[in-house]
Protein backbone atom coordinates (compact mmCIF):
# COMPACT_ATOMS: atom_id res chain seq x y z
CA MET A 1 126.57 80.09 41.57
CA ASN A 2 123.28 79.07 40.01
CA CYS A 3 123.36 76.57 37.06
CA LYS A 4 121.28 74.00 35.09
CA TYR A 5 122.81 70.49 35.25
CA LYS A 6 122.02 67.24 33.45
CA TYR A 7 122.17 63.88 35.60
CA VAL A 8 120.70 60.26 34.93
CA PHE A 9 118.09 59.34 37.35
CA PRO A 10 116.43 56.16 37.78
CA ILE A 11 112.58 56.55 36.88
CA ASP A 12 109.35 54.67 37.76
CA GLU A 13 106.91 53.38 35.45
CA PHE A 14 105.28 56.77 35.30
CA GLY A 15 108.45 58.42 34.02
CA ARG A 16 109.06 60.11 37.60
CA ILE A 17 112.43 60.27 39.28
CA GLY A 18 112.12 57.27 41.54
CA GLY A 19 114.33 54.84 43.74
CA MET A 20 116.12 56.27 46.57
CA TYR A 21 115.22 59.89 45.32
CA SER A 22 111.45 59.35 45.81
CA LEU A 23 108.90 58.57 48.69
CA ALA A 24 106.81 56.49 46.46
CA ASP A 25 107.01 52.54 46.60
CA VAL A 26 106.95 52.11 42.54
CA PRO A 27 109.23 49.76 40.88
CA ILE A 28 111.95 51.29 38.69
CA SER A 29 111.63 50.88 35.10
CA GLY A 30 114.76 52.52 33.74
CA THR A 31 116.83 55.52 33.45
CA LYS A 32 116.50 59.01 32.00
CA GLU A 33 118.80 62.08 32.03
CA PHE A 34 116.92 65.09 33.49
CA THR A 35 118.15 68.82 33.29
CA ARG A 36 117.47 70.58 36.79
CA GLU A 37 118.28 73.82 38.38
CA GLY A 38 121.16 73.70 40.93
CA ILE A 39 123.79 75.58 42.77
CA LEU A 40 127.51 75.05 42.13
CA THR A 41 129.03 74.16 45.63
CA ALA A 42 132.68 72.88 44.33
CA ARG A 43 135.06 72.53 41.69
CA ASP A 44 137.98 70.15 40.70
CA PRO A 45 139.60 71.52 37.70
CA SER A 46 142.08 68.76 37.43
CA ARG A 47 139.23 66.18 36.94
CA GLU A 48 136.94 68.71 35.26
CA LEU A 49 134.08 68.06 37.85
CA TYR A 50 131.53 69.93 39.71
CA GLU A 51 129.63 69.12 42.93
CA VAL A 52 126.12 70.53 42.43
CA GLU A 53 123.57 71.00 45.02
CA ASP A 54 119.65 70.54 43.61
CA ASP A 55 117.52 73.63 44.09
CA GLU A 56 114.50 71.70 44.76
CA TRP A 57 115.41 68.61 46.95
CA GLY A 58 118.87 69.65 48.00
CA TRP A 59 120.58 66.59 46.61
CA SER A 60 124.02 66.70 45.99
CA PHE A 61 125.85 65.33 42.71
CA ILE A 62 129.36 65.14 41.07
CA VAL A 63 128.72 66.30 37.46
CA PRO A 64 131.46 66.55 34.72
CA TYR A 65 131.87 70.16 33.15
CA ASP A 66 130.19 69.07 29.82
CA LYS A 67 126.88 68.52 31.93
CA ILE A 68 126.65 71.92 33.45
CA GLU A 69 125.10 75.38 31.84
CA LEU A 70 125.96 78.53 33.65
């Protein structure tokens, strides 16, 4: 199922997603919550968590229910 999810990523000095999520060798300057498109791949109702696969890059994240828009 398609969704939008919010996740906190490390950012570089230019405000782009950085660290292990980037091929650029630019130092990390902080963190920022991004809203991205994804696909729900699993659900854990007892812990109120979803597993989300990022549409653009294929990254997988565990995201709480309140950070998901269906």
